[in-house]
Amino acid sequence: MNNNTIKYSGRVKTIICKRLTNDWQDLADYFDIQLHEREGFRSGRQAHGVWEWLEQRDRIGELESALNDIGRDDLVEELKKKLVDGESTSLCLAKLFNVPKLPDNFLPRDEQLQPLKQKVLSHTNQPVGITSTTRRVGLQGMGGIGKTVLATALARDEDIRKKFFDGIFWITLGQRPKLLDWQLYLSETLGDNQATFTEISFGKAKLKQLFADKSCLLILDDIWNLNHATTFDVLGEKCQMLVTTRDASIITSFGAVRHELAVLSQEQSLTLLADWAGYKDNTLLPPEANQVVEECGNLPLALSMVGAMLRGKPNLWGNVLQKLLPC
């Protein structure tokens, strides 16, 4: 079995993590999990934090080798006995379709992820028959603020993948999307390899049939036009939709529950800048760092670009800051 397709049931995770309570740091060292990421793991559940870190990065298949390396051969045998074979879907995490990987130096934003996750999951707990307008969530924020990364973290969250067990589907639209191509992609991914339609309305009708009895999450990333979003207004009553956009009016017009994404805090900004610039801790950053953060507007995209530019070049901080300052 390919490592990227390995999945374990929640029960296996509980068993393994419980027995790793005293060894989780060795496992974190093996995978080079950064200090700020470890600090985000809940006290008493750090082993679960490591496990979820691996799942988010599609690296759970490396767990067996890691356990061997830290001397926990007993748990390797346990994993081999408990491996889910892929047909036991009730215990598997949902498959990800076209979902991006989390970026290098990913900065967890639990204070944003948890309320967004609650909004996505809360509607799935309502009785079947509630109108589909209550089954949409809109993630809104300015460009570069981290909407796509947060949506990716949500798509890879274990609770989300358990709830929407028929699949997590990701479509990136942008300003000029090929809507028919994306409709055909979804049809084929859902099992209809014979789908041939040349009009949006026919595509919607087909997708409504295919999604009708499914439990799926459909993520529409980077929406610029309300009509583009309505092209995929095709989900069944057990499904949920998440859209990301800069335009709050699209979310309102689409009848979605809004989640506004804020910029990073100063501490988060410094941590992200340090990670990209190659510093082990943000306290080691040069004096210019705080002003660099300010000039970047605490935006993740800008900070990652500037940090990558400064990596291994400690003498350039002053020059880069001068270029960021307004003329």
Protein backbone atom coordinates (compact mmCIF):
# COMPACT_ATOMS: atom_id res chain seq x y z
CA MET A 1 0.00 0.00 0.00
CA ASN A 2 1.28 3.47 -0.91
CA ASN A 3 2.18 5.52 2.18
CA ASN A 4 0.03 8.40 0.95
CA THR A 5 -3.10 6.21 1.02
CA ILE A 6 -2.61 4.76 4.50
CA LYS A 7 -5.47 5.53 6.87
CA TYR A 8 -6.12 4.45 10.44
CA SER A 9 -9.35 4.45 12.37
CA GLY A 10 -9.95 6.89 15.20
CA ARG A 11 -9.76 3.97 17.63
CA VAL A 12 -6.26 3.09 16.45
CA LYS A 13 -5.21 6.70 16.82
CA THR A 14 -6.50 6.74 20.40
CA ILE A 15 -4.67 3.52 21.29
CA ILE A 16 -1.35 4.56 19.76
CA CYS A 17 -1.42 8.13 21.11
CA LYS A 18 -2.24 6.94 24.62
CA ARG A 19 0.84 4.72 24.56
CA LEU A 20 2.98 7.56 23.21
CA THR A 21 2.22 9.89 26.11
CA ASN A 22 5.80 9.74 27.39
CA ASP A 23 7.50 9.53 23.98
CA TRP A 24 5.72 12.19 21.94
CA GLN A 25 8.69 14.57 22.07
CA ASP A 26 10.98 11.93 20.54
CA LEU A 27 8.45 11.58 17.74
CA ALA A 28 8.26 15.37 17.33
CA ASP A 29 12.06 15.51 17.15
CA TYR A 30 12.09 12.83 14.45
CA PHE A 31 9.76 14.90 12.27
CA ASP A 32 11.50 18.19 13.18
CA ILE A 33 8.28 19.77 14.46
CA GLN A 34 9.08 23.34 15.42
CA LEU A 35 8.83 24.59 18.99
CA HIS A 36 5.97 27.01 18.31
CA GLU A 37 3.99 24.18 16.73
CA ARG A 38 4.56 21.93 19.76
CA GLU A 39 3.40 24.70 22.07
CA GLY A 40 0.10 24.64 20.20
CA PHE A 41 -0.53 21.01 21.17
CA ARG A 42 -3.05 20.63 23.99
CA SER A 43 -1.57 19.70 27.34
CA GLY A 44 -1.93 15.98 27.97
CA ARG A 45 -2.76 15.37 24.29
CA GLN A 46 0.57 16.19 22.68
CA ALA A 47 0.79 12.78 21.02
CA HIS A 48 -2.56 13.50 19.35
CA GLY A 49 -1.11 16.80 18.24
CA VAL A 50 1.82 15.06 16.55
CA TRP A 51 -0.55 12.58 14.87
CA GLU A 52 -2.76 15.38 13.53
CA TRP A 53 0.33 17.32 12.38
CA LEU A 54 1.27 14.28 10.27
CA GLU A 55 -2.25 13.88 8.89
CA GLN A 56 -2.43 17.53 7.85
CA ARG A 57 0.74 17.06 5.80
CA ASP A 58 -0.15 13.65 4.35
CA ARG A 59 2.79 12.13 6.25
CA ILE A 60 0.96 9.62 8.43
CA GLY A 61 2.49 6.90 6.24
CA GLU A 62 5.89 7.79 7.73
CA LEU A 63 4.75 6.97 11.26
CA GLU A 64 5.87 3.34 11.14
CA SER A 65 9.47 4.27 10.29
CA ALA A 66 9.47 6.96 12.97
CA LEU A 67 8.26 4.53 15.64
CA ASN A 68 11.02 2.10 14.66
CA ASP A 69 13.57 4.88 14.93
CA ILE A 70 12.53 5.92 18.46
CA GLY A 71 12.50 2.32 19.65
CA ARG A 72 8.75 1.72 19.79
CA ASP A 73 8.68 -1.50 17.78
CA ASP A 74 5.72 -2.64 19.88
CA LEU A 75 3.59 0.11 18.40
CA VAL A 76 4.73 -0.74 14.87
CA GLU A 77 3.29 -4.22 15.32
CA GLU A 78 0.10 -2.66 16.65
CA LEU A 79 -0.18 -0.47 13.56
CA LYS A 80 0.32 -3.41 11.23
CA LYS A 81 -2.47 -5.32 12.95
CA LYS A 82 -4.88 -2.39 12.94
CA LEU A 83 -4.27 -0.94 9.46
CA VAL A 84 -7.55 -0.04 7.79
CA ASP A 85 -7.74 -1.74 4.41
CA GLY A 86 -9.58 1.07 2.60
CA GLU A 87 -12.88 -0.80 2.30
CA SER A 88 -13.92 -0.14 5.90
CA THR A 89 -15.10 3.37 5.10
CA SER A 90 -16.90 3.88 8.39
CA LEU A 91 -13.55 4.02 10.19
CA CYS A 92 -11.55 5.84 7.48
CA LEU A 93 -10.92 9.48 7.05
CA ALA A 94 -12.50 10.95 3.94
CA LYS A 95 -10.42 11.05 0.80
CA LEU A 96 -9.13 14.45 -0.29
CA PHE A 97 -9.74 15.50 -3.89
CA ASN A 98 -7.51 18.28 -5.24
CA VAL A 99 -6.95 19.68 -1.72
CA PRO A 100 -3.63 21.59 -1.59
CA LYS A 101 -0.87 20.62 0.77
CA LEU A 102 -0.18 22.89 3.71
CA PRO A 103 2.69 25.29 2.96
CA ASP A 104 6.20 25.08 4.29
CA ASN A 105 6.50 26.73 7.69
CA PHE A 106 2.76 26.33 8.21
CA LEU A 107 1.62 28.44 11.16
CA PRO A 108 -1.38 26.88 12.97
CA ARG A 109 -4.11 29.42 13.73
CA ASP A 110 -6.32 27.54 16.15
CA GLU A 111 -8.12 30.71 17.22
CA GLN A 112 -9.40 30.98 13.64
CA LEU A 113 -9.69 27.30 12.71
CA GLN A 114 -11.90 26.25 15.62
CA PRO A 115 -14.72 28.81 15.12
CA LEU A 116 -14.65 28.18 11.36
CA LYS A 117 -14.81 24.44 11.96
CA GLN A 118 -17.73 24.94 14.35
CA LYS A 119 -19.65 26.88 11.71
CA VAL A 120 -19.04 24.19 9.09
CA LEU A 121 -20.00 21.32 11.39
CA SER A 122 -22.92 22.99 13.19
CA HIS A 123 -25.17 22.89 10.14
CA THR A 124 -24.51 19.20 9.59
CA ASN A 125 -26.07 18.50 12.98
CA GLN A 126 -29.39 20.04 11.93
CA PRO A 127 -32.23 17.76 10.88
CA VAL A 128 -32.31 16.69 7.24
CA GLY A 129 -34.74 18.91 5.36
CA ILE A 130 -33.31 22.25 6.44
CA THR A 131 -32.89 24.47 3.36
CA SER A 132 -29.51 24.37 1.65
CA THR A 133 -28.96 28.08 2.26
CA THR A 134 -28.04 27.19 5.84
CA ARG A 135 -25.39 24.77 4.62
CA ARG A 136 -22.90 27.30 3.29
CA VAL A 137 -20.06 29.07 5.06
CA GLY A 138 -18.10 31.97 3.58
CA LEU A 139 -14.51 32.68 4.60
CA GLN A 140 -13.79 36.33 3.82
CA GLY A 141 -10.70 38.50 4.07
CA MET A 142 -8.31 40.67 2.10
CA GLY A 143 -5.79 39.23 -0.33
CA GLY A 144 -2.76 37.59 1.28
CA ILE A 145 -4.45 37.21 4.67
CA GLY A 146 -4.37 33.40 4.61
CA LYS A 147 -7.84 32.31 3.48
CA THR A 148 -6.60 29.46 1.30
CA VAL A 149 -4.22 28.16 3.98
CA LEU A 150 -6.94 28.21 6.65
CA ALA A 151 -9.38 26.45 4.32
CA THR A 152 -6.67 23.85 3.60
CA ALA A 153 -6.14 23.27 7.32
CA LEU A 154 -9.89 22.83 7.73
CA ALA A 155 -10.09 20.35 4.84
CA ARG A 156 -7.32 18.28 6.42
CA ASP A 157 -8.80 18.36 9.92
CA GLU A 158 -9.63 14.89 11.23
CA ASP A 159 -13.09 15.78 12.54
CA ILE A 160 -14.01 17.30 9.19
CA ARG A 161 -12.76 14.24 7.30
CA LYS A 162 -14.74 11.94 9.58
CA LYS A 163 -17.95 13.94 9.20
CA PHE A 164 -17.83 14.27 5.42
CA PHE A 165 -16.79 10.68 4.82
CA ASP A 166 -17.69 10.63 1.11
CA GLY A 167 -14.97 13.11 0.30
CA ILE A 168 -13.54 16.62 0.59
CA PHE A 169 -13.56 18.33 -2.82
CA TRP A 170 -11.53 21.44 -3.67
CA ILE A 171 -12.02 23.78 -6.63
CA THR A 172 -9.98 26.93 -7.21
CA LEU A 173 -11.94 29.35 -9.37
CA GLY A 174 -10.26 32.74 -9.58
CA GLN A 175 -11.40 35.53 -11.89
CA ARG A 176 -11.82 33.50 -15.10
CA PRO A 177 -12.76 29.95 -14.11
CA LYS A 178 -13.47 27.17 -16.57
CA LEU A 179 -16.78 26.27 -15.00
CA LEU A 180 -17.72 23.42 -17.34
CA ASP A 181 -14.33 21.79 -16.87
CA TRP A 182 -14.77 21.89 -13.11
CA GLN A 183 -18.28 20.44 -13.38
CA LEU A 184 -16.92 17.59 -15.50
CA TYR A 185 -14.10 17.06 -13.00
CA LEU A 186 -16.56 16.71 -10.13
CA SER A 187 -18.78 14.35 -12.14
CA GLU A 188 -15.85 12.09 -12.98
CA THR A 189 -14.49 12.19 -9.44
CA LEU A 190 -17.92 11.18 -8.13
CA GLY A 191 -17.89 8.14 -10.40
CA ASP A 192 -19.63 9.23 -13.60
CA ASN A 193 -16.91 8.75 -16.21
CA GLN A 194 -19.44 9.04 -19.04
CA ALA A 195 -20.55 12.57 -18.21
CA THR A 196 -20.75 14.72 -21.35
CA PHE A 197 -22.53 18.05 -21.07
CA THR A 198 -21.87 21.35 -22.78
CA GLU A 199 -24.04 23.70 -20.75
CA ILE A 200 -23.79 24.81 -17.14
CA SER A 201 -27.45 23.96 -16.47
CA PHE A 202 -26.95 20.34 -17.58
CA GLY A 203 -23.85 20.12 -15.41
CA LYS A 204 -25.76 21.36 -12.38
CA ALA A 205 -28.52 18.83 -12.93
CA LYS A 206 -25.99 15.97 -13.16
CA LEU A 207 -24.08 17.08 -10.08
CA LYS A 208 -27.28 17.38 -8.04
CA GLN A 209 -27.95 13.72 -8.79
CA LEU A 210 -24.41 12.69 -7.88
CA PHE A 211 -24.28 14.67 -4.62
CA ALA A 212 -27.85 13.86 -3.54
CA ASP A 213 -27.06 11.02 -1.13
CA LYS A 214 -23.45 11.92 -0.37
CA SER A 215 -21.88 13.37 2.74
CA CYS A 216 -19.27 15.72 1.26
CA LEU A 217 -17.59 19.04 1.82
CA LEU A 218 -17.11 21.16 -1.31
CA ILE A 219 -14.65 24.03 -1.03
CA LEU A 220 -14.77 26.80 -3.63
CA ASP A 221 -11.58 28.81 -3.27
CA ASP A 222 -11.06 32.36 -4.52
CA ILE A 223 -14.56 33.34 -5.64
CA TRP A 224 -14.80 36.65 -7.51
CA ASN A 225 -18.28 36.38 -8.97
CA LEU A 226 -21.53 35.22 -7.36
CA ASN A 227 -22.63 33.46 -10.56
CA HIS A 228 -19.53 31.30 -10.40
CA ALA A 229 -20.50 30.13 -6.92
CA THR A 230 -24.10 29.36 -7.89
CA THR A 231 -22.79 27.11 -10.67
CA PHE A 232 -21.94 24.65 -7.88
CA ASP A 233 -25.11 25.10 -5.84
CA VAL A 234 -25.73 21.38 -6.25
CA LEU A 235 -25.16 19.79 -2.86
CA GLY A 236 -27.36 17.30 -1.08
CA GLU A 237 -28.73 17.69 2.42
CA LYS A 238 -25.81 15.88 4.07
CA CYS A 239 -23.23 18.08 2.34
CA GLN A 240 -21.68 21.40 3.21
CA MET A 241 -20.00 24.14 1.17
CA LEU A 242 -17.19 26.49 2.11
CA VAL A 243 -16.34 29.43 -0.14
CA THR A 244 -13.39 31.80 0.20
CA THR A 245 -13.53 35.32 -1.18
CA ARG A 246 -12.33 38.87 -0.68
CA ASP A 247 -15.86 40.18 -1.30
CA ALA A 248 -18.22 40.07 1.67
CA SER A 249 -21.21 40.89 -0.55
CA ILE A 250 -20.81 37.57 -2.37
CA ILE A 251 -21.17 35.72 0.92
CA THR A 252 -24.27 37.70 1.83
CA SER A 253 -25.90 37.26 -1.58
CA PHE A 254 -25.09 33.55 -1.55
CA GLY A 255 -26.88 33.10 1.78
CA ALA A 256 -23.77 31.84 3.55
CA VAL A 257 -22.69 32.21 7.16
CA ARG A 258 -19.77 34.63 7.18
CA HIS A 259 -16.44 34.04 8.89
CA GLU A 260 -14.13 37.05 8.62
CA LEU A 261 -10.43 36.26 8.81
CA ALA A 262 -8.29 38.72 10.74
CA VAL A 263 -4.61 39.50 10.19
CA LEU A 264 -1.98 37.76 12.30
CA SER A 265 -1.21 38.95 15.79
CA GLN A 266 2.20 40.54 16.35
CA GLU A 267 3.50 37.35 17.99
CA GLN A 268 2.19 35.14 15.18
CA SER A 269 3.67 37.50 12.60
CA LEU A 270 7.10 37.40 14.20
CA THR A 271 6.96 33.62 14.47
CA LEU A 272 6.07 33.22 10.81
CA LEU A 273 8.74 35.70 9.76
CA ALA A 274 11.31 33.85 11.86
CA ASP A 275 10.38 30.49 10.36
CA TRP A 276 10.74 31.74 6.81
CA ALA A 277 13.94 33.67 7.54
CA GLY A 278 15.53 30.61 9.16
CA TYR A 279 15.54 31.62 12.83
CA LYS A 280 14.75 28.94 15.41
CA ASP A 281 12.89 31.40 17.62
CA ASN A 282 11.37 34.81 17.01
CA THR A 283 13.31 36.24 19.95
CA LEU A 284 16.45 35.84 17.81
CA LEU A 285 15.16 38.17 15.11
CA PRO A 286 17.04 41.44 14.53
CA PRO A 287 15.66 44.78 15.80
CA GLU A 288 14.19 45.63 12.39
CA ALA A 289 11.77 42.68 12.57
CA ASN A 290 8.95 44.49 14.33
CA GLN A 291 8.92 47.28 11.77
CA VAL A 292 9.10 44.75 8.92
CA VAL A 293 5.99 43.11 10.35
CA GLU A 294 4.25 46.49 10.53
CA GLU A 295 5.13 47.34 6.93
CA CYS A 296 3.87 43.92 5.82
CA GLY A 297 0.54 44.66 7.50
CA ASN A 298 0.72 41.42 9.54
CA LEU A 299 -0.25 39.58 6.34
CA PRO A 300 1.00 35.97 6.09
CA LEU A 301 1.76 36.09 2.37
CA ALA A 302 3.85 39.25 2.60
CA LEU A 303 5.70 37.99 5.68
CA SER A 304 6.53 34.64 4.08
CA MET A 305 7.85 36.36 0.94
CA VAL A 306 10.01 38.80 2.89
CA GLY A 307 11.22 36.07 5.24
CA ALA A 308 12.23 33.83 2.33
CA MET A 309 14.08 36.79 0.79
CA LEU A 310 16.04 37.30 4.03
CA ARG A 311 16.82 33.65 4.73
CA GLY A 312 20.56 33.27 5.29
CA LYS A 313 21.13 37.00 4.68
CA PRO A 314 21.27 38.64 8.13
CA ASN A 315 22.99 41.74 6.76
CA LEU A 316 20.10 42.65 4.46
CA TRP A 317 17.39 43.38 7.05
CA GLY A 318 18.03 47.12 6.98
CA ASN A 319 18.03 47.27 3.17
CA VAL A 320 14.81 45.28 2.90
CA LEU A 321 13.11 47.45 5.51
CA GLN A 322 14.05 50.58 3.59
CA LYS A 323 12.44 49.15 0.46
CA LEU A 324 9.25 48.38 2.39
CA LEU A 325 8.95 51.89 3.82
CA PRO A 326 6.72 54.30 1.89
CA CYS A 327 8.56 56.82 -0.26
